[in-house]
């Protein structure tokens, strides 16, 4: 784990950045743990997250047991807007807090929650057929990366079976 505040700096401008390869239009889930402790100069911790230089959003772990770290998991979905995505974590804790712990950061691609739900709106309906047509004719138009109607990763004639599309055979 890393302490974004530091024992002496505790600046809200301190942090870590990494750029990762992503697919434009791909849906991803960023997960990470925020560690918090109380006692001495420690208070509940806040980690600020910025994706691609966007606004900082704070994630606070309010539970801080005395003299030990307590970890809280956060997950943040995002859609990639370019071939790379830059993720930055900042110390978001108060100036008098000397601990802002971050651990176990990961990014995973999220497939559509249900293969029949082509536009990822939670429903299987006519809009999914239109989304499939868009994906079949122009793969870059897909809401979810590499999505097709029968659970594979390609769009082909087998996907044209509307019953598969609407019933979500691999749901």
Foldseek 3Di string as FASTA:
>chain_A
DDFQCAQPRHDQPGWDKDKDFDDALFKKKKKKKKKAADDDQGAWFWKWKDKQNDDTDIDTDRDHYHPDIDIDMDMDMDGDHDRMMMMIIGGPDDSSHRGIDMDDIDMDTDAQPFLLQFQNPPARDPVLVVLQVCCQVPVSSGNHQQGAQQPDRHHDPVRPPSCSNRVRPPD
